[in-house]
Amino acid sequence: MSESEFEQLAEQALARIEQSLEESGAEVDIESGPGGVLELEFENGSKMVVNRHSAAREIWVAAKSGGFHFRWDGKAWRDTRDGSELFAALSKLVSSQSGKGVVLKP
């Protein structure tokens, strides 16, 4: 995948994550930063960061429970360790960190 293809796919994914969080009703403050960074702050004060990592051509998630890397497989962003899909994984991570059930839709 070229760098421009990665940038386009990653930007689309980050925008969809932000939109899906807003639609989910999750109690989270979202700040979109330069360079493809989403900072999420939950009511309990904990934070999560979702960002694109151009050199690795991955989307990285830094959550309270750990760090996760997602790579495009041609159809979806998949965790490089267990193969889980990005939005399914984020649903679990956001639910766990916020203490409230959240479902994010791709």
PDB file of N, CA and C in Angstrom:
ATOM      1  N   MET A   1       0.851  -1.166   0.000  1.00  0.00           N
ATOM      2  CA  MET A   1       0.000   0.000   0.000  1.00  0.00           C
ATOM      3  C   MET A   1       0.904   1.238   0.000  1.00  0.00           C
ATOM      4  N   SER A   2       0.569   2.213  -0.835  1.00  0.00           N
ATOM      5  CA  SER A   2       1.355   3.440  -0.893  1.00  0.00           C
ATOM      6  C   SER A   2       1.054   4.308   0.329  1.00  0.00           C
ATOM      7  N   GLU A   3       1.904   5.269   0.563  1.00  0.00           N
ATOM      8  CA  GLU A   3       1.701   6.164   1.700  1.00  0.00           C
ATOM      9  C   GLU A   3       0.412   6.965   1.539  1.00  0.00           C
ATOM     10  N   SER A   4       0.135   7.425   0.317  1.00  0.00           N
ATOM     11  CA  SER A   4      -1.092   8.203   0.100  1.00  0.00           C
ATOM     12  C   SER A   4      -2.342   7.342   0.298  1.00  0.00           C
ATOM     13  N   GLU A   5      -2.298   6.079  -0.114  1.00  0.00           N
ATOM     14  CA  GLU A   5      -3.429   5.171   0.123  1.00  0.00           C
ATOM     15  C   GLU A   5      -3.636   4.964   1.618  1.00  0.00           C
ATOM     16  N   PHE A   6      -2.526   4.750   2.334  1.00  0.00           N
ATOM     17  CA  PHE A   6      -2.619   4.577   3.782  1.00  0.00           C
ATOM     18  C   PHE A   6      -3.218   5.818   4.436  1.00  0.00           C
ATOM     19  N   GLU A   7      -2.703   6.989   4.080  1.00  0.00           N
ATOM     20  CA  GLU A   7      -3.183   8.234   4.680  1.00  0.00           C
ATOM     21  C   GLU A   7      -4.689   8.395   4.461  1.00  0.00           C
ATOM     22  N   GLN A   8      -5.157   8.106   3.257  1.00  0.00           N
ATOM     23  CA  GLN A   8      -6.578   8.240   2.949  1.00  0.00           C
ATOM     24  C   GLN A   8      -7.417   7.249   3.767  1.00  0.00           C
ATOM     25  N   LEU A   9      -7.003   5.987   3.811  1.00  0.00           N
ATOM     26  CA  LEU A   9      -7.738   4.975   4.580  1.00  0.00           C
ATOM     27  C   LEU A   9      -7.726   5.289   6.069  1.00  0.00           C
ATOM     28  N   ALA A  10      -6.581   5.714   6.580  1.00  0.00           N
ATOM     29  CA  ALA A  10      -6.465   6.027   8.006  1.00  0.00           C
ATOM     30  C   ALA A  10      -7.332   7.229   8.377  1.00  0.00           C
ATOM     31  N   GLU A  11      -7.314   8.275   7.541  1.00  0.00           N
ATOM     32  CA  GLU A  11      -8.142   9.450   7.810  1.00  0.00           C
ATOM     33  C   GLU A  11      -9.621   9.085   7.811  1.00  0.00           C
ATOM     34  N   GLN A  12     -10.034   8.246   6.871  1.00  0.00           N
ATOM     35  CA  GLN A  12     -11.426   7.800   6.831  1.00  0.00           C
ATOM     36  C   GLN A  12     -11.781   7.037   8.103  1.00  0.00           C
ATOM     37  N   ALA A  13     -10.884   6.162   8.545  1.00  0.00           N
ATOM     38  CA  ALA A  13     -11.139   5.367   9.753  1.00  0.00           C
ATOM     39  C   ALA A  13     -11.231   6.259  10.982  1.00  0.00           C
ATOM     40  N   LEU A  14     -10.320   7.217  11.118  1.00  0.00           N
ATOM     41  CA  LEU A  14     -10.340   8.109  12.282  1.00  0.00           C
ATOM     42  C   LEU A  14     -11.608   8.964  12.294  1.00  0.00           C
ATOM     43  N   ALA A  15     -12.015   9.455  11.127  1.00  0.00           N
ATOM     44  CA  ALA A  15     -13.246  10.243  11.053  1.00  0.00           C
ATOM     45  C   ALA A  15     -14.450   9.382  11.425  1.00  0.00           C
ATOM     46  N   ARG A  16     -14.460   8.130  10.973  1.00  0.00           N
ATOM     47  CA  ARG A  16     -15.571   7.230  11.287  1.00  0.00           C
ATOM     48  C   ARG A  16     -15.584   6.868  12.771  1.00  0.00           C
ATOM     49  N   ILE A  17     -14.407   6.708  13.364  1.00  0.00           N
ATOM     50  CA  ILE A  17     -14.328   6.435  14.805  1.00  0.00           C
ATOM     51  C   ILE A  17     -14.942   7.600  15.580  1.00  0.00           C
ATOM     52  N   GLU A  18     -14.554   8.811  15.219  1.00  0.00           N
ATOM     53  CA  GLU A  18     -15.085   9.994  15.900  1.00  0.00           C
ATOM     54  C   GLU A  18     -16.607  10.072  15.743  1.00  0.00           C
ATOM     55  N   GLN A  19     -17.094   9.886  14.528  1.00  0.00           N
ATOM     56  CA  GLN A  19     -18.533   9.932  14.277  1.00  0.00           C
ATOM     57  C   GLN A  19     -19.260   8.824  15.039  1.00  0.00           C
ATOM     58  N   SER A  20     -18.705   7.622  15.030  1.00  0.00           N
ATOM     59  CA  SER A  20     -19.333   6.495  15.699  1.00  0.00           C
ATOM     60  C   SER A  20     -19.385   6.708  17.214  1.00  0.00           C
ATOM     61  N   LEU A  21     -18.332   7.295  17.777  1.00  0.00           N
ATOM     62  CA  LEU A  21     -18.335   7.605  19.213  1.00  0.00           C
ATOM     63  C   LEU A  21     -19.430   8.613  19.539  1.00  0.00           C
ATOM     64  N   GLU A  22     -19.556   9.632  18.704  1.00  0.00           N
ATOM     65  CA  GLU A  22     -20.585  10.644  18.939  1.00  0.00           C
ATOM     66  C   GLU A  22     -21.981  10.034  18.834  1.00  0.00           C
ATOM     67  N   GLU A  23     -22.192   9.140  17.883  1.00  0.00           N
ATOM     68  CA  GLU A  23     -23.497   8.500  17.688  1.00  0.00           C
ATOM     69  C   GLU A  23     -23.810   7.466  18.766  1.00  0.00           C
ATOM     70  N   SER A  24     -22.785   6.935  19.413  1.00  0.00           N
ATOM     71  CA  SER A  24     -22.978   5.863  20.395  1.00  0.00           C
ATOM     72  C   SER A  24     -23.582   6.344  21.704  1.00  0.00           C
ATOM     73  N   GLY A  25     -23.510   7.629  21.953  1.00  0.00           N
ATOM     74  CA  GLY A  25     -23.985   8.150  23.227  1.00  0.00           C
ATOM     75  C   GLY A  25     -22.979   7.984  24.344  1.00  0.00           C
ATOM     76  N   ALA A  26     -21.767   7.571  24.011  1.00  0.00           N
ATOM     77  CA  ALA A  26     -20.714   7.403  25.019  1.00  0.00           C
ATOM     78  C   ALA A  26     -20.398   8.750  25.655  1.00  0.00           C
ATOM     79  N   GLU A  27     -20.156   8.721  26.945  1.00  0.00           N
ATOM     80  CA  GLU A  27     -19.791   9.928  27.674  1.00  0.00           C
ATOM     81  C   GLU A  27     -18.280  10.103  27.565  1.00  0.00           C
ATOM     82  N   VAL A  28     -17.860  10.724  26.469  1.00  0.00           N
ATOM     83  CA  VAL A  28     -16.437  10.875  26.210  1.00  0.00           C
ATOM     84  C   VAL A  28     -16.196  12.196  25.487  1.00  0.00           C
ATOM     85  N   ASP A  29     -15.156  12.897  25.914  1.00  0.00           N
ATOM     86  CA  ASP A  29     -14.722  14.101  25.210  1.00  0.00           C
ATOM     87  C   ASP A  29     -13.711  13.673  24.167  1.00  0.00           C
ATOM     88  N   ILE A  30     -13.891  14.153  22.943  1.00  0.00           N
ATOM     89  CA  ILE A  30     -13.027  13.778  21.833  1.00  0.00           C
ATOM     90  C   ILE A  30     -12.298  15.008  21.332  1.00  0.00           C
ATOM     91  N   GLU A  31     -10.978  14.928  21.286  1.00  0.00           N
ATOM     92  CA  GLU A  31     -10.185  15.999  20.697  1.00  0.00           C
ATOM     93  C   GLU A  31      -9.434  15.432  19.515  1.00  0.00           C
ATOM     94  N   SER A  32      -9.605  16.088  18.378  1.00  0.00           N
ATOM     95  CA  SER A  32      -8.917  15.673  17.165  1.00  0.00           C
ATOM     96  C   SER A  32      -7.691  16.559  17.013  1.00  0.00           C
ATOM     97  N   GLY A  33      -6.523  15.934  17.031  1.00  0.00           N
ATOM     98  CA  GLY A  33      -5.287  16.693  16.956  1.00  0.00           C
ATOM     99  C   GLY A  33      -4.615  16.569  15.605  1.00  0.00           C
ATOM    100  N   PRO A  34      -3.584  17.358  15.397  1.00  0.00           N
ATOM    101  CA  PRO A  34      -2.858  17.308  14.126  1.00  0.00           C
ATOM    102  C   PRO A  34      -2.138  15.973  13.942  1.00  0.00           C
ATOM    103  N   GLY A  35      -1.970  15.598  12.686  1.00  0.00           N
ATOM    104  CA  GLY A  35      -1.242  14.370  12.398  1.00  0.00           C
ATOM    105  C   GLY A  35      -2.045  13.104  12.570  1.00  0.00           C
ATOM    106  N   GLY A  36      -3.376  13.224  12.622  1.00  0.00           N
ATOM    107  CA  GLY A  36      -4.206  12.033  12.729  1.00  0.00           C
ATOM    108  C   GLY A  36      -4.251  11.442  14.118  1.00  0.00           C
ATOM    109  N   VAL A  37      -4.528  12.279  15.113  1.00  0.00           N
ATOM    110  CA  VAL A  37      -4.593  11.822  16.500  1.00  0.00           C
ATOM    111  C   VAL A  37      -5.968  12.137  17.081  1.00  0.00           C
ATOM    112  N   LEU A  38      -6.603  11.127  17.683  1.00  0.00           N
ATOM    113  CA  LEU A  38      -7.833  11.327  18.445  1.00  0.00           C
ATOM    114  C   LEU A  38      -7.514  11.062  19.909  1.00  0.00           C
ATOM    115  N   GLU A  39      -7.781  12.057  20.760  1.00  0.00           N
ATOM    116  CA  GLU A  39      -7.618  11.874  22.198  1.00  0.00           C
ATOM    117  C   GLU A  39      -9.001  11.778  22.807  1.00  0.00           C
ATOM    118  N   LEU A  40      -9.240  10.687  23.520  1.00  0.00           N
ATOM    119  CA  LEU A  40     -10.525  10.447  24.158  1.00  0.00           C
ATOM    120  C   LEU A  40     -10.347  10.567  25.662  1.00  0.00           C
ATOM    121  N   GLU A  41     -11.191  11.364  26.295  1.00  0.00           N
ATOM    122  CA  GLU A  41     -11.152  11.474  27.749  1.00  0.00           C
ATOM    123  C   GLU A  41     -12.519  11.093  28.297  1.00  0.00           C
ATOM    124  N   PHE A  42     -12.513  10.139  29.233  1.00  0.00           N
ATOM    125  CA  PHE A  42     -13.739   9.599  29.795  1.00  0.00           C
ATOM    126  C   PHE A  42     -14.113  10.325  31.086  1.00  0.00           C
ATOM    127  N   GLU A  43     -15.361  10.164  31.511  1.00  0.00           N
ATOM    128  CA  GLU A  43     -15.857  10.806  32.735  1.00  0.00           C
ATOM    129  C   GLU A  43     -15.001  10.487  33.955  1.00  0.00           C
ATOM    130  N   ASN A  44     -14.425   9.279  33.978  1.00  0.00           N
ATOM    131  CA  ASN A  44     -13.617   8.866  35.127  1.00  0.00           C
ATOM    132  C   ASN A  44     -12.197   9.433  35.083  1.00  0.00           C
ATOM    133  N   GLY A  45     -11.913  10.280  34.075  1.00  0.00           N
ATOM    134  CA  GLY A  45     -10.607  10.922  33.970  1.00  0.00           C
ATOM    135  C   GLY A  45      -9.579  10.136  33.165  1.00  0.00           C
ATOM    136  N   SER A  46      -9.888   8.902  32.818  1.00  0.00           N
ATOM    137  CA  SER A  46      -8.932   8.112  32.039  1.00  0.00           C
ATOM    138  C   SER A  46      -8.943   8.569  30.585  1.00  0.00           C
ATOM    139  N   LYS A  47      -7.863   8.270  29.892  1.00  0.00           N
ATOM    140  CA  LYS A  47      -7.722   8.699  28.504  1.00  0.00           C
ATOM    141  C   LYS A  47      -7.354   7.528  27.608  1.00  0.00           C
ATOM    142  N   MET A  48      -7.667   7.704  26.325  1.00  0.00           N
ATOM    143  CA  MET A  48      -7.301   6.745  25.294  1.00  0.00           C
ATOM    144  C   MET A  48      -6.861   7.565  24.086  1.00  0.00           C
ATOM    145  N   VAL A  49      -5.844   7.087  23.389  1.00  0.00           N
ATOM    146  CA  VAL A  49      -5.368   7.779  22.191  1.00  0.00           C
ATOM    147  C   VAL A  49      -5.442   6.824  21.008  1.00  0.00           C
ATOM    148  N   VAL A  50      -6.013   7.313  19.914  1.00  0.00           N
ATOM    149  CA  VAL A  50      -6.082   6.554  18.666  1.00  0.00           C
ATOM    150  C   VAL A  50      -5.369   7.407  17.623  1.00  0.00           C
ATOM    151  N   ASN A  51      -4.366   6.849  16.981  1.00  0.00           N
ATOM    152  CA  ASN A  51      -3.638   7.632  15.990  1.00  0.00           C
ATOM    153  C   ASN A  51      -3.133   6.773  14.845  1.00  0.00           C
ATOM    154  N   ARG A  52      -2.832   7.448  13.753  1.00  0.00           N
ATOM    155  CA  ARG A  52      -2.245   6.738  12.620  1.00  0.00           C
ATOM    156  C   ARG A  52      -0.734   6.774  12.789  1.00  0.00           C
ATOM    157  N   HIS A  53      -0.100   5.711  12.381  1.00  0.00           N
ATOM    158  CA  HIS A  53       1.361   5.617  12.427  1.00  0.00           C
ATOM    159  C   HIS A  53       1.824   5.335  11.005  1.00  0.00           C
ATOM    160  N   SER A  54       2.217   6.408  10.322  1.00  0.00           N
ATOM    161  CA  SER A  54       2.522   6.317   8.893  1.00  0.00           C
ATOM    162  C   SER A  54       3.675   5.386   8.573  1.00  0.00           C
ATOM    163  N   ALA A  55       4.725   5.417   9.366  1.00  0.00           N
ATOM    164  CA  ALA A  55       5.899   4.591   9.070  1.00  0.00           C
ATOM    165  C   ALA A  55       5.549   3.109   9.059  1.00  0.00           C
ATOM    166  N   ALA A  56       4.693   2.687   9.993  1.00  0.00           N
ATOM    167  CA  ALA A  56       4.300   1.277  10.085  1.00  0.00           C
ATOM    168  C   ALA A  56       3.046   0.979   9.259  1.00  0.00           C
ATOM    169  N   ARG A  57       2.399   2.028   8.745  1.00  0.00           N
ATOM    170  CA  ARG A  57       1.137   1.890   8.003  1.00  0.00           C
ATOM    171  C   ARG A  57       0.078   1.202   8.873  1.00  0.00           C
ATOM    172  N   GLU A  58      -0.034   1.688  10.112  1.00  0.00           N
ATOM    173  CA  GLU A  58      -0.956   1.113  11.088  1.00  0.00           C
ATOM    174  C   GLU A  58      -1.725   2.202  11.816  1.00  0.00           C
ATOM    175  N   ILE A  59      -2.831   1.815  12.415  1.00  0.00           N
ATOM    176  CA  ILE A  59      -3.545   2.654  13.368  1.00  0.00           C
ATOM    177  C   ILE A  59      -3.229   2.092  14.743  1.00  0.00           C
ATOM    178  N   TRP A  60      -2.772   2.947  15.630  1.00  0.00           N
ATOM    179  CA  TRP A  60      -2.389   2.524  16.976  1.00  0.00           C
ATOM    180  C   TRP A  60      -3.405   3.023  17.986  1.00  0.00           C
ATOM    181  N   VAL A  61      -3.670   2.205  18.983  1.00  0.00           N
ATOM    182  CA  VAL A  61      -4.572   2.553  20.077  1.00  0.00           C
ATOM    183  C   VAL A  61      -3.814   2.368  21.387  1.00  0.00           C
ATOM    184  N   ALA A  62      -3.764   3.433  22.178  1.00  0.00           N
ATOM    185  CA  ALA A  62      -3.176   3.370  23.516  1.00  0.00           C
ATOM    186  C   ALA A  62      -4.321   3.494  24.506  1.00  0.00           C
ATOM    187  N   ALA A  63      -4.616   2.399  25.188  1.00  0.00           N
ATOM    188  CA  ALA A  63      -5.718   2.346  26.144  1.00  0.00           C
ATOM    189  C   ALA A  63      -5.168   1.990  27.519  1.00  0.00           C
ATOM    190  N   LYS A  64      -6.015   2.114  28.510  1.00  0.00           N
ATOM    191  CA  LYS A  64      -5.628   1.758  29.876  1.00  0.00           C
ATOM    192  C   LYS A  64      -5.159   0.309  29.956  1.00  0.00           C
ATOM    193  N   SER A  65      -5.779  -0.549  29.132  1.00  0.00           N
ATOM    194  CA  SER A  65      -5.452  -1.979  29.165  1.00  0.00           C
ATOM    195  C   SER A  65      -4.251  -2.354  28.295  1.00  0.00           C
ATOM    196  N   GLY A  66      -3.694  -1.398  27.562  1.00  0.00           N
ATOM    197  CA  GLY A  66      -2.508  -1.713  26.764  1.00  0.00           C
ATOM    198  C   GLY A  66      -2.492  -1.006  25.422  1.00  0.00           C
ATOM    199  N   GLY A  67      -1.506  -1.379  24.607  1.00  0.00           N
ATOM    200  CA  GLY A  67      -1.352  -0.800  23.282  1.00  0.00           C
ATOM    201  C   GLY A  67      -1.731  -1.818  22.217  1.00  0.00           C
ATOM    202  N   PHE A  68      -2.350  -1.325  21.149  1.00  0.00           N
ATOM    203  CA  PHE A  68      -2.839  -2.198  20.093  1.00  0.00           C
ATOM    204  C   PHE A  68      -2.500  -1.586  18.742  1.00  0.00           C
ATOM    205  N   HIS A  69      -2.130  -2.431  17.792  1.00  0.00           N
ATOM    206  CA  HIS A  69      -1.778  -1.987  16.445  1.00  0.00           C
ATOM    207  C   HIS A  69      -2.712  -2.663  15.450  1.00  0.00           C
ATOM    208  N   PHE A  70      -3.240  -1.862  14.522  1.00  0.00           N
ATOM    209  CA  PHE A  70      -4.182  -2.364  13.523  1.00  0.00           C
ATOM    210  C   PHE A  70      -3.642  -2.072  12.132  1.00  0.00           C
ATOM    211  N   ARG A  71      -3.656  -3.087  11.279  1.00  0.00           N
ATOM    212  CA  ARG A  71      -3.147  -2.976   9.913  1.00  0.00           C
ATOM    213  C   ARG A  71      -4.267  -3.300   8.923  1.00  0.00           C
ATOM    214  N   TRP A  72      -4.314  -2.570   7.825  1.00  0.00           N
ATOM    215  CA  TRP A  72      -5.330  -2.780   6.789  1.00  0.00           C
ATOM    216  C   TRP A  72      -5.064  -4.095   6.073  1.00  0.00           C
ATOM    217  N   ASP A  73      -6.099  -4.945   5.960  1.00  0.00           N
ATOM    218  CA  ASP A  73      -5.928  -6.242   5.296  1.00  0.00           C
ATOM    219  C   ASP A  73      -6.580  -6.271   3.914  1.00  0.00           C
ATOM    220  N   GLY A  74      -6.997  -5.111   3.425  1.00  0.00           N
ATOM    221  CA  GLY A  74      -7.670  -5.028   2.143  1.00  0.00           C
ATOM    222  C   GLY A  74      -9.169  -4.849   2.281  1.00  0.00           C
ATOM    223  N   LYS A  75      -9.707  -5.192   3.468  1.00  0.00           N
ATOM    224  CA  LYS A  75     -11.135  -5.060   3.731  1.00  0.00           C
ATOM    225  C   LYS A  75     -11.426  -4.355   5.045  1.00  0.00           C
ATOM    226  N   ALA A  76     -10.545  -4.526   6.030  1.00  0.00           N
ATOM    227  CA  ALA A  76     -10.780  -3.964   7.362  1.00  0.00           C
ATOM    228  C   ALA A  76      -9.440  -3.758   8.071  1.00  0.00           C
ATOM    229  N   TRP A  77      -9.471  -2.938   9.117  1.00  0.00           N
ATOM    230  CA  TRP A  77      -8.308  -2.757   9.985  1.00  0.00           C
ATOM    231  C   TRP A  77      -8.315  -3.893  11.002  1.00  0.00           C
ATOM    232  N   ARG A  78      -7.239  -4.676  11.049  1.00  0.00           N
ATOM    233  CA  ARG A  78      -7.149  -5.857  11.919  1.00  0.00           C
ATOM    234  C   ARG A  78      -5.995  -5.734  12.890  1.00  0.00           C
ATOM    235  N   ASP A  79      -6.254  -6.173  14.127  1.00  0.00           N
ATOM    236  CA  ASP A  79      -5.212  -6.202  15.157  1.00  0.00           C
ATOM    237  C   ASP A  79      -4.084  -7.119  14.687  1.00  0.00           C
ATOM    238  N   THR A  80      -2.861  -6.648  14.808  1.00  0.00           N
ATOM    239  CA  THR A  80      -1.721  -7.424  14.327  1.00  0.00           C
ATOM    240  C   THR A  80      -1.430  -8.640  15.196  1.00  0.00           C
ATOM    241  N   ARG A  81      -2.023  -8.709  16.391  1.00  0.00           N
ATOM    242  CA  ARG A  81      -1.799  -9.868  17.263  1.00  0.00           C
ATOM    243  C   ARG A  81      -2.914 -10.900  17.171  1.00  0.00           C
ATOM    244  N   ASP A  82      -4.163 -10.459  17.337  1.00  0.00           N
ATOM    245  CA  ASP A  82      -5.249 -11.453  17.397  1.00  0.00           C
ATOM    246  C   ASP A  82      -6.220 -11.381  16.220  1.00  0.00           C
ATOM    247  N   GLY A  83      -6.020 -10.443  15.291  1.00  0.00           N
ATOM    248  CA  GLY A  83      -6.853 -10.361  14.103  1.00  0.00           C
ATOM    249  C   GLY A  83      -8.211  -9.716  14.301  1.00  0.00           C
ATOM    250  N   SER A  84      -8.492  -9.205  15.513  1.00  0.00           N
ATOM    251  CA  SER A  84      -9.796  -8.578  15.741  1.00  0.00           C
ATOM    252  C   SER A  84      -9.926  -7.298  14.913  1.00  0.00           C
ATOM    253  N   GLU A  85     -11.161  -6.995  14.535  1.00  0.00           N
ATOM    254  CA  GLU A  85     -11.451  -5.816  13.715  1.00  0.00           C
ATOM    255  C   GLU A  85     -11.425  -4.567  14.596  1.00  0.00           C
ATOM    256  N   LEU A  86     -10.965  -3.457  14.039  1.00  0.00           N
ATOM    257  CA  LEU A  86     -10.753  -2.212  14.787  1.00  0.00           C
ATOM    258  C   LEU A  86     -11.985  -1.753  15.554  1.00  0.00           C
ATOM    259  N   PHE A  87     -13.141  -1.668  14.908  1.00  0.00           N
ATOM    260  CA  PHE A  87     -14.320  -1.128  15.582  1.00  0.00           C
ATOM    261  C   PHE A  87     -14.842  -2.073  16.663  1.00  0.00           C
ATOM    262  N   ALA A  88     -14.744  -3.373  16.440  1.00  0.00           N
ATOM    263  CA  ALA A  88     -15.131  -4.345  17.469  1.00  0.00           C
ATOM    264  C   ALA A  88     -14.200  -4.228  18.671  1.00  0.00           C
ATOM    265  N   ALA A  89     -12.902  -4.107  18.397  1.00  0.00           N
ATOM    266  CA  ALA A  89     -11.927  -3.975  19.483  1.00  0.00           C
ATOM    267  C   ALA A  89     -12.138  -2.669  20.249  1.00  0.00           C
ATOM    268  N   LEU A  90     -12.373  -1.574  19.514  1.00  0.00           N
ATOM    269  CA  LEU A  90     -12.603  -0.286  20.181  1.00  0.00           C
ATOM    270  C   LEU A  90     -13.882  -0.313  21.010  1.00  0.00           C
ATOM    271  N   SER A  91     -14.904  -1.004  20.538  1.00  0.00           N
ATOM    272  CA  SER A  91     -16.133  -1.126  21.323  1.00  0.00           C
ATOM    273  C   SER A  91     -15.835  -1.738  22.684  1.00  0.00           C
ATOM    274  N   LYS A  92     -15.045  -2.802  22.692  1.00  0.00           N
ATOM    275  CA  LYS A  92     -14.672  -3.465  23.955  1.00  0.00           C
ATOM    276  C   LYS A  92     -13.787  -2.567  24.813  1.00  0.00           C
ATOM    277  N   LEU A  93     -12.810  -1.930  24.187  1.00  0.00           N
ATOM    278  CA  LEU A  93     -11.878  -1.077  24.935  1.00  0.00           C
ATOM    279  C   LEU A  93     -12.585   0.133  25.543  1.00  0.00           C
ATOM    280  N   VAL A  94     -13.429   0.793  24.751  1.00  0.00           N
ATOM    281  CA  VAL A  94     -14.156   1.963  25.253  1.00  0.00           C
ATOM    282  C   VAL A  94     -15.135   1.546  26.347  1.00  0.00           C
ATOM    283  N   SER A  95     -15.830   0.440  26.154  1.00  0.00           N
ATOM    284  CA  SER A  95     -16.758  -0.056  27.178  1.00  0.00           C
ATOM    285  C   SER A  95     -16.029  -0.348  28.479  1.00  0.00           C
ATOM    286  N   SER A  96     -14.902  -1.035  28.376  1.00  0.00           N
ATOM    287  CA  SER A  96     -14.128  -1.377  29.556  1.00  0.00           C
ATOM    288  C   SER A  96     -13.599  -0.139  30.267  1.00  0.00           C
ATOM    289  N   GLN A  97     -13.066   0.778  29.500  1.00  0.00           N
ATOM    290  CA  GLN A  97     -12.448   1.956  30.118  1.00  0.00           C
ATOM    291  C   GLN A  97     -13.478   2.940  30.655  1.00  0.00           C
ATOM    292  N   SER A  98     -14.642   3.039  30.004  1.00  0.00           N
ATOM    293  CA  SER A  98     -15.661   3.989  30.458  1.00  0.00           C
ATOM    294  C   SER A  98     -16.577   3.382  31.516  1.00  0.00           C
ATOM    295  N   GLY A  99     -16.625   2.042  31.572  1.00  0.00           N
ATOM    296  CA  GLY A  99     -17.514   1.379  32.512  1.00  0.00           C
ATOM    297  C   GLY A  99     -18.943   1.297  32.017  1.00  0.00           C
ATOM    298  N   LYS A 100     -19.177   1.661  30.746  1.00  0.00           N
ATOM    299  CA  LYS A 100     -20.519   1.612  30.170  1.00  0.00           C
ATOM    300  C   LYS A 100     -20.439   0.925  28.813  1.00  0.00           C
ATOM    301  N   GLY A 101     -21.462   0.128  28.498  1.00  0.00           N
ATOM    302  CA  GLY A 101     -21.486  -0.587  27.236  1.00  0.00           C
ATOM    303  C   GLY A 101     -21.576   0.355  26.038  1.00  0.00           C
ATOM    304  N   VAL A 102     -20.651   0.199  25.131  1.00  0.00           N
ATOM    305  CA  VAL A 102     -20.602   1.045  23.928  1.00  0.00           C
ATOM    306  C   VAL A 102     -20.396   0.158  22.717  1.00  0.00           C
ATOM    307  N   VAL A 103     -21.143   0.397  21.652  1.00  0.00           N
ATOM    308  CA  VAL A 103     -20.967  -0.320  20.402  1.00  0.00           C
ATOM    309  C   VAL A 103     -20.628   0.697  19.319  1.00  0.00           C
ATOM    310  N   LEU A 104     -19.462   0.558  18.721  1.00  0.00           N
ATOM    311  CA  LEU A 104     -19.057   1.441  17.629  1.00  0.00           C
ATOM    312  C   LEU A 104     -19.274   0.718  16.318  1.00  0.00           C
ATOM    313  N   LYS A 105     -19.853   1.426  15.356  1.00  0.00           N
ATOM    314  CA  LYS A 105     -20.162   0.814  14.057  1.00  0.00           C
ATOM    315  C   LYS A 105     -19.212   1.352  12.992  1.00  0.00           C
ATOM    316  N   PRO A 106     -18.644   0.426  12.211  1.00  0.00           N
ATOM    317  CA  PRO A 106     -17.715   0.851  11.139  1.00  0.00           C
ATOM    318  C   PRO A 106     -18.403   1.647  10.045  1.00  0.00           C
TER     319      PRO A 106
END
